[in-house]
Amino acid sequence: METMILYWIALMSIIGFILMGFDKQRAIHKEWRIRERTLWLVALFGGGIGSYIGMRIFRHKTKHTSFVFGLPAIAIVYACISLVIY
């Protein structure tokens, strides 16, 4: 069971990272965007670490206070869960 949780966090983190990069590219080209609610849901359901890394690497959503403080908090929670399980 613990292994499945770690795999879930890893999978959702990869998805969160990809979504941040994809949304940044869409923003640059002024095309349709991924809803912020979708980005938050991915982060909340296990993708907090990847979403935060994506935010920092792609410099995306860095002017949104909710993302600047919320994503690191979620990432810390999932990092702690991962460390406790591992």
C-alpha atoms as a PDB file:
ATOM      1  CA  MET A   1       0.000   0.000   0.000  1.00  0.00           C
ATOM      2  CA  GLU A   2       2.778   2.439   0.904  1.00  0.00           C
ATOM      3  CA  THR A   3       4.512   1.786  -2.405  1.00  0.00           C
ATOM      4  CA  MET A   4       1.322   2.599  -4.288  1.00  0.00           C
ATOM      5  CA  ILE A   5       1.073   5.936  -2.462  1.00  0.00           C
ATOM      6  CA  LEU A   6       4.649   6.799  -3.443  1.00  0.00           C
ATOM      7  CA  TYR A   7       3.946   5.843  -7.068  1.00  0.00           C
ATOM      8  CA  TRP A   8       0.787   7.963  -6.989  1.00  0.00           C
ATOM      9  CA  ILE A   9       2.679  10.996  -5.667  1.00  0.00           C
ATOM     10  CA  ALA A  10       5.391  10.498  -8.311  1.00  0.00           C
ATOM     11  CA  LEU A  11       2.850  10.148 -11.143  1.00  0.00           C
ATOM     12  CA  MET A  12       0.828  13.173 -10.060  1.00  0.00           C
ATOM     13  CA  SER A  13       4.022  15.194  -9.618  1.00  0.00           C
ATOM     14  CA  ILE A  14       5.068  14.395 -13.175  1.00  0.00           C
ATOM     15  CA  ILE A  15       1.621  15.410 -14.414  1.00  0.00           C
ATOM     16  CA  GLY A  16       1.757  18.637 -12.369  1.00  0.00           C
ATOM     17  CA  PHE A  17       5.189  19.482 -13.749  1.00  0.00           C
ATOM     18  CA  ILE A  18       4.085  18.852 -17.341  1.00  0.00           C
ATOM     19  CA  LEU A  19       0.898  20.885 -16.898  1.00  0.00           C
ATOM     20  CA  MET A  20       2.847  23.870 -15.584  1.00  0.00           C
ATOM     21  CA  GLY A  21       5.184  23.771 -18.583  1.00  0.00           C
ATOM     22  CA  PHE A  22       2.332  23.248 -21.030  1.00  0.00           C
ATOM     23  CA  ASP A  23       0.291  26.101 -19.554  1.00  0.00           C
ATOM     24  CA  LYS A  24       3.315  28.406 -19.660  1.00  0.00           C
ATOM     25  CA  GLN A  25       3.810  27.687 -23.364  1.00  0.00           C
ATOM     26  CA  ARG A  26       0.115  28.306 -24.009  1.00  0.00           C
ATOM     27  CA  ALA A  27       0.374  31.627 -22.135  1.00  0.00           C
ATOM     28  CA  ILE A  28       3.401  32.720 -24.172  1.00  0.00           C
ATOM     29  CA  HIS A  29       1.551  32.028 -27.432  1.00  0.00           C
ATOM     30  CA  LYS A  30      -1.699  33.568 -26.129  1.00  0.00           C
ATOM     31  CA  GLU A  31      -3.659  30.368 -26.678  1.00  0.00           C
ATOM     32  CA  TRP A  32      -6.303  28.668 -24.505  1.00  0.00           C
ATOM     33  CA  ARG A  33      -5.086  27.926 -21.016  1.00  0.00           C
ATOM     34  CA  ILE A  34      -5.411  25.245 -18.410  1.00  0.00           C
ATOM     35  CA  ARG A  35      -7.807  26.357 -15.690  1.00  0.00           C
ATOM     36  CA  GLU A  36      -6.207  27.320 -12.391  1.00  0.00           C
ATOM     37  CA  ARG A  37      -8.670  25.003 -10.683  1.00  0.00           C
ATOM     38  CA  THR A  38      -7.190  22.085 -12.647  1.00  0.00           C
ATOM     39  CA  LEU A  39      -3.648  23.046 -11.640  1.00  0.00           C
ATOM     40  CA  TRP A  40      -4.728  23.228  -7.995  1.00  0.00           C
ATOM     41  CA  LEU A  41      -6.553  19.896  -8.112  1.00  0.00           C
ATOM     42  CA  VAL A  42      -3.516  18.129  -9.549  1.00  0.00           C
ATOM     43  CA  ALA A  43      -1.354  19.666  -6.822  1.00  0.00           C
ATOM     44  CA  LEU A  44      -3.811  18.770  -4.062  1.00  0.00           C
ATOM     45  CA  PHE A  45      -4.257  15.176  -5.217  1.00  0.00           C
ATOM     46  CA  GLY A  46      -0.574  14.330  -5.055  1.00  0.00           C
ATOM     47  CA  GLY A  47       1.188  16.560  -7.565  1.00  0.00           C
ATOM     48  CA  GLY A  48       2.296  19.340  -5.242  1.00  0.00           C
ATOM     49  CA  ILE A  49       6.002  18.609  -5.548  1.00  0.00           C
ATOM     50  CA  GLY A  50       6.044  18.503  -9.346  1.00  0.00           C
ATOM     51  CA  SER A  51       3.742  21.496  -9.658  1.00  0.00           C
ATOM     52  CA  TYR A  52       5.998  23.550  -7.401  1.00  0.00           C
ATOM     53  CA  ILE A  53       9.135  22.501  -9.295  1.00  0.00           C
ATOM     54  CA  GLY A  54       7.374  23.331 -12.571  1.00  0.00           C
ATOM     55  CA  MET A  55       6.337  26.722 -11.227  1.00  0.00           C
ATOM     56  CA  ARG A  56       9.947  27.527 -10.349  1.00  0.00           C
ATOM     57  CA  ILE A  57      11.581  26.109 -13.501  1.00  0.00           C
ATOM     58  CA  PHE A  58       9.083  27.564 -15.989  1.00  0.00           C
ATOM     59  CA  ARG A  59       8.597  30.754 -13.922  1.00  0.00           C
ATOM     60  CA  HIS A  60       4.866  30.273 -14.220  1.00  0.00           C
ATOM     61  CA  LYS A  61       2.237  31.618 -11.801  1.00  0.00           C
ATOM     62  CA  THR A  62       4.989  33.301  -9.784  1.00  0.00           C
ATOM     63  CA  LYS A  63       3.001  36.539  -9.469  1.00  0.00           C
ATOM     64  CA  HIS A  64      -0.045  34.784  -8.023  1.00  0.00           C
ATOM     65  CA  THR A  65       0.190  34.955  -4.238  1.00  0.00           C
ATOM     66  CA  SER A  66      -1.947  31.854  -3.819  1.00  0.00           C
ATOM     67  CA  PHE A  67       0.475  29.825  -5.944  1.00  0.00           C
ATOM     68  CA  VAL A  68       3.608  31.366  -4.414  1.00  0.00           C
ATOM     69  CA  PHE A  69       2.557  30.344  -0.900  1.00  0.00           C
ATOM     70  CA  GLY A  70       0.133  27.488  -1.566  1.00  0.00           C
ATOM     71  CA  LEU A  71       2.215  25.245  -3.818  1.00  0.00           C
ATOM     72  CA  PRO A  72       5.261  25.166  -1.520  1.00  0.00           C
ATOM     73  CA  ALA A  73       2.979  24.309   1.408  1.00  0.00           C
ATOM     74  CA  ILE A  74       1.384  21.450  -0.515  1.00  0.00           C
ATOM     75  CA  ALA A  75       4.807  20.290  -1.726  1.00  0.00           C
ATOM     76  CA  ILE A  76       6.080  20.195   1.868  1.00  0.00           C
ATOM     77  CA  VAL A  77       3.108  18.111   2.943  1.00  0.00           C
ATOM     78  CA  TYR A  78       3.685  15.552   0.173  1.00  0.00           C
ATOM     79  CA  ALA A  79       7.433  15.527   0.788  1.00  0.00           C
ATOM     80  CA  CYS A  80       6.783  14.743   4.471  1.00  0.00           C
ATOM     81  CA  ILE A  81       4.305  12.010   3.552  1.00  0.00           C
ATOM     82  CA  SER A  82       6.849  10.505   1.171  1.00  0.00           C
ATOM     83  CA  LEU A  83       9.605  10.593   3.792  1.00  0.00           C
ATOM     84  CA  VAL A  84       7.422   8.996   6.440  1.00  0.00           C
ATOM     85  CA  ILE A  85       6.363   6.216   4.072  1.00  0.00           C
ATOM     86  CA  TYR A  86       9.845   5.634   2.691  1.00  0.00           C
END
